[in-house]
């Protein structure tokens, strides 16, 4: 059986489908027995799904926003 540390090391490969049949069985067996690693793998799945939903490019101009925030900070500092 895998340790939690070994499971975490293999979790990305497991989610990406890059493990051999035997390694997948080891991971699944560990997940059946370890609620903490089940929670961890579910969080990883949620993170992957969230990242897939994000646009490839930011919807805002980050540099312009940073400049605007800096100007507002300077203005607020004067008050």
N, C-alpha and C. Protein backbone atom coordinates (compact mmCIF):
# COMPACT_ATOMS: atom_id res chain seq x y z
N UNK A 1 0.84 -1.18 0.00
CA UNK A 1 0.00 0.00 0.00
C UNK A 1 0.89 1.24 0.00
N UNK A 2 0.42 2.27 -0.68
CA UNK A 2 1.16 3.52 -0.76
C UNK A 2 1.05 4.30 0.54
N UNK A 3 2.08 5.08 0.82
CA UNK A 3 1.98 6.03 1.92
C UNK A 3 1.32 7.30 1.36
N UNK A 4 0.89 8.16 2.25
CA UNK A 4 0.28 9.42 1.81
C UNK A 4 1.26 10.25 0.99
N UNK A 5 2.51 10.26 1.40
CA UNK A 5 3.54 11.01 0.67
C UNK A 5 3.71 10.46 -0.74
N UNK A 6 3.72 9.15 -0.90
CA UNK A 6 3.83 8.54 -2.22
C UNK A 6 2.60 8.85 -3.07
N UNK A 7 1.44 8.86 -2.42
CA UNK A 7 0.21 9.17 -3.14
C UNK A 7 0.23 10.59 -3.68
N UNK A 8 0.64 11.53 -2.85
CA UNK A 8 0.70 12.94 -3.27
C UNK A 8 1.67 13.09 -4.44
N UNK A 9 2.79 12.38 -4.39
CA UNK A 9 3.77 12.46 -5.47
C UNK A 9 3.20 11.94 -6.80
N UNK A 10 2.27 11.01 -6.73
CA UNK A 10 1.69 10.43 -7.95
C UNK A 10 0.35 11.04 -8.35
N UNK A 11 -0.17 11.94 -7.56
CA UNK A 11 -1.54 12.41 -7.78
C UNK A 11 -1.73 13.11 -9.12
N UNK A 12 -0.78 13.93 -9.54
CA UNK A 12 -0.93 14.61 -10.83
C UNK A 12 -0.93 13.60 -11.98
N UNK A 13 -0.01 12.64 -11.92
CA UNK A 13 0.03 11.61 -12.96
C UNK A 13 -1.24 10.77 -12.94
N UNK A 14 -1.78 10.52 -11.76
CA UNK A 14 -3.03 9.77 -11.65
C UNK A 14 -4.17 10.52 -12.32
N UNK A 15 -4.30 11.80 -12.02
CA UNK A 15 -5.38 12.59 -12.59
C UNK A 15 -5.22 12.78 -14.10
N UNK A 16 -3.98 12.80 -14.57
CA UNK A 16 -3.72 12.96 -16.00
C UNK A 16 -3.76 11.64 -16.76
N UNK A 17 -4.00 10.54 -16.05
CA UNK A 17 -4.09 9.23 -16.69
C UNK A 17 -2.76 8.70 -17.18
N UNK A 18 -1.67 9.05 -16.49
CA UNK A 18 -0.34 8.66 -16.94
C UNK A 18 0.27 7.52 -16.13
N UNK A 19 -0.50 6.90 -15.26
CA UNK A 19 0.01 5.79 -14.47
C UNK A 19 -0.29 4.47 -15.15
N UNK A 20 0.54 3.48 -14.86
CA UNK A 20 0.28 2.14 -15.37
C UNK A 20 -0.93 1.56 -14.63
N UNK A 21 -1.44 0.46 -15.14
CA UNK A 21 -2.59 -0.20 -14.53
C UNK A 21 -2.30 -0.54 -13.07
N UNK A 22 -1.13 -1.11 -12.81
CA UNK A 22 -0.76 -1.50 -11.45
C UNK A 22 -0.66 -0.27 -10.53
N UNK A 23 -0.07 0.81 -11.02
CA UNK A 23 0.05 2.02 -10.20
C UNK A 23 -1.32 2.63 -9.91
N UNK A 24 -2.23 2.59 -10.90
CA UNK A 24 -3.59 3.10 -10.67
C UNK A 24 -4.29 2.29 -9.59
N UNK A 25 -4.09 0.97 -9.60
CA UNK A 25 -4.69 0.13 -8.57
C UNK A 25 -4.15 0.50 -7.18
N UNK A 26 -2.84 0.74 -7.10
CA UNK A 26 -2.26 1.13 -5.82
C UNK A 26 -2.85 2.45 -5.32
N UNK A 27 -2.99 3.40 -6.22
CA UNK A 27 -3.56 4.70 -5.84
C UNK A 27 -5.01 4.53 -5.40
N UNK A 28 -5.79 3.80 -6.17
CA UNK A 28 -7.21 3.61 -5.82
C UNK A 28 -7.36 2.88 -4.50
N UNK A 29 -6.51 1.90 -4.25
CA UNK A 29 -6.57 1.19 -2.97
C UNK A 29 -6.27 2.16 -1.83
N UNK A 30 -5.27 3.00 -2.01
CA UNK A 30 -4.94 3.98 -0.97
C UNK A 30 -6.11 4.94 -0.76
N UNK A 31 -6.73 5.39 -1.85
CA UNK A 31 -7.85 6.32 -1.73
C UNK A 31 -9.04 5.70 -0.99
N UNK A 32 -9.23 4.41 -1.15
CA UNK A 32 -10.33 3.73 -0.44
C UNK A 32 -10.08 3.75 1.07
N UNK A 33 -8.82 3.71 1.47
CA UNK A 33 -8.49 3.59 2.89
C UNK A 33 -8.16 4.92 3.57
N UNK A 34 -7.92 5.98 2.81
CA UNK A 34 -7.41 7.21 3.41
C UNK A 34 -8.33 8.40 3.08
N UNK A 35 -9.12 8.84 4.04
CA UNK A 35 -10.03 9.97 3.78
C UNK A 35 -9.29 11.28 3.50
N UNK A 36 -8.12 11.47 4.08
CA UNK A 36 -7.37 12.70 3.82
C UNK A 36 -6.90 12.77 2.37
N UNK A 37 -6.42 11.68 1.84
CA UNK A 37 -5.98 11.66 0.44
C UNK A 37 -7.17 11.73 -0.51
N UNK A 38 -8.31 11.17 -0.13
CA UNK A 38 -9.52 11.32 -0.95
C UNK A 38 -9.89 12.79 -1.04
N UNK A 39 -9.83 13.49 0.08
CA UNK A 39 -10.13 14.92 0.10
C UNK A 39 -9.13 15.68 -0.78
N UNK A 40 -7.86 15.32 -0.66
CA UNK A 40 -6.81 15.96 -1.45
C UNK A 40 -7.05 15.77 -2.95
N UNK A 41 -7.36 14.55 -3.36
CA UNK A 41 -7.55 14.28 -4.79
C UNK A 41 -8.81 14.97 -5.30
N UNK A 42 -9.84 15.07 -4.47
CA UNK A 42 -11.05 15.80 -4.86
C UNK A 42 -10.76 17.29 -5.02
N UNK A 43 -9.92 17.84 -4.15
CA UNK A 43 -9.53 19.24 -4.28
C UNK A 43 -8.72 19.45 -5.56
N UNK A 44 -7.86 18.50 -5.88
CA UNK A 44 -7.07 18.59 -7.13
C UNK A 44 -8.00 18.55 -8.35
N UNK A 45 -8.99 17.68 -8.32
CA UNK A 45 -9.95 17.61 -9.43
C UNK A 45 -10.72 18.92 -9.58
N UNK A 46 -11.14 19.48 -8.46
CA UNK A 46 -11.86 20.76 -8.49
C UNK A 46 -10.97 21.87 -9.05
N UNK A 47 -9.71 21.88 -8.64
CA UNK A 47 -8.79 22.89 -9.14
C UNK A 47 -8.59 22.74 -10.65
N UNK A 48 -8.43 21.52 -11.14
CA UNK A 48 -8.28 21.29 -12.57
C UNK A 48 -9.52 21.77 -13.33
N UNK A 49 -10.69 21.45 -12.81
CA UNK A 49 -11.93 21.87 -13.47
C UNK A 49 -12.06 23.38 -13.49
N UNK A 50 -11.68 24.02 -12.40
CA UNK A 50 -11.73 25.49 -12.32
C UNK A 50 -10.77 26.11 -13.31
N UNK A 51 -9.56 25.58 -13.39
CA UNK A 51 -8.57 26.12 -14.33
C UNK A 51 -9.01 25.94 -15.78
N UNK A 52 -9.69 24.85 -16.07
CA UNK A 52 -10.19 24.64 -17.44
C UNK A 52 -11.24 25.67 -17.82
N UNK A 53 -11.98 26.18 -16.85
CA UNK A 53 -13.03 27.16 -17.12
C UNK A 53 -12.50 28.58 -17.29
N UNK A 54 -11.27 28.82 -16.86
CA UNK A 54 -10.71 30.16 -16.94
C UNK A 54 -10.31 30.49 -18.38
N UNK A 55 -10.46 31.76 -18.76
CA UNK A 55 -10.04 32.15 -20.11
C UNK A 55 -8.52 32.08 -20.25
N UNK A 56 -8.05 31.91 -21.49
CA UNK A 56 -6.62 31.82 -21.73
C UNK A 56 -5.92 33.16 -21.49
N UNK A 57 -6.60 34.25 -21.81
CA UNK A 57 -6.02 35.58 -21.60
C UNK A 57 -6.85 36.34 -20.57
N UNK A 58 -6.20 37.17 -19.79
CA UNK A 58 -6.96 37.93 -18.79
C UNK A 58 -7.95 38.89 -19.47
N UNK A 59 -9.08 39.08 -18.85
CA UNK A 59 -10.12 39.96 -19.41
C UNK A 59 -9.79 41.43 -19.19
N UNK A 60 -8.82 41.71 -18.33
CA UNK A 60 -8.46 43.10 -18.04
C UNK A 60 -6.99 43.31 -18.35
N UNK A 61 -6.62 44.58 -18.56
CA UNK A 61 -5.23 44.95 -18.74
C UNK A 61 -4.60 45.10 -17.36
N UNK A 62 -3.79 44.14 -16.99
CA UNK A 62 -3.23 44.10 -15.64
C UNK A 62 -2.33 45.31 -15.39
N UNK A 63 -1.55 45.70 -16.37
CA UNK A 63 -0.66 46.85 -16.19
C UNK A 63 -1.45 48.13 -15.95
N UNK A 64 -2.52 48.32 -16.71
CA UNK A 64 -3.34 49.52 -16.53
C UNK A 64 -4.01 49.51 -15.16
N UNK A 65 -4.48 48.35 -14.74
CA UNK A 65 -5.11 48.24 -13.42
C UNK A 65 -4.11 48.55 -12.31
N UNK A 66 -2.88 48.04 -12.45
CA UNK A 66 -1.85 48.31 -11.44
C UNK A 66 -1.55 49.80 -11.37
N UNK A 67 -1.47 50.46 -12.52
CA UNK A 67 -1.25 51.90 -12.54
C UNK A 67 -2.38 52.67 -11.89
N UNK A 68 -3.59 52.25 -12.18
CA UNK A 68 -4.77 52.91 -11.60
C UNK A 68 -4.79 52.74 -10.08
N UNK A 69 -4.51 51.54 -9.61
CA UNK A 69 -4.50 51.30 -8.16
C UNK A 69 -3.39 52.10 -7.48
N UNK A 70 -2.22 52.20 -8.12
CA UNK A 70 -1.13 52.98 -7.56
C UNK A 70 -1.52 54.45 -7.47
N UNK A 71 -2.17 54.97 -8.51
CA UNK A 71 -2.60 56.38 -8.49
C UNK A 71 -3.64 56.62 -7.40
N UNK A 72 -4.59 55.69 -7.25
CA UNK A 72 -5.60 55.83 -6.20
C UNK A 72 -4.96 55.75 -4.81
N UNK A 73 -3.96 54.91 -4.66
CA UNK A 73 -3.27 54.78 -3.37
C UNK A 73 -2.55 56.09 -3.03
N UNK A 74 -1.87 56.66 -4.03
CA UNK A 74 -1.17 57.94 -3.80
C UNK A 74 -2.18 59.04 -3.46
N UNK A 75 -3.32 59.06 -4.13
CA UNK A 75 -4.35 60.07 -3.88
C UNK A 75 -4.91 59.91 -2.47
N UNK A 76 -5.15 58.69 -2.04
CA UNK A 76 -5.69 58.42 -0.72
C UNK A 76 -4.67 58.76 0.36
N UNK A 77 -3.40 58.62 0.04
CA UNK A 77 -2.34 58.90 1.00
C UNK A 77 -2.23 60.42 1.28
N UNK A 78 -2.63 61.22 0.30
CA UNK A 78 -2.57 62.68 0.44
C UNK A 78 -3.69 63.22 1.32
N UNK A 79 -4.76 62.46 1.46
CA UNK A 79 -5.93 62.92 2.21
C UNK A 79 -5.70 62.79 3.70
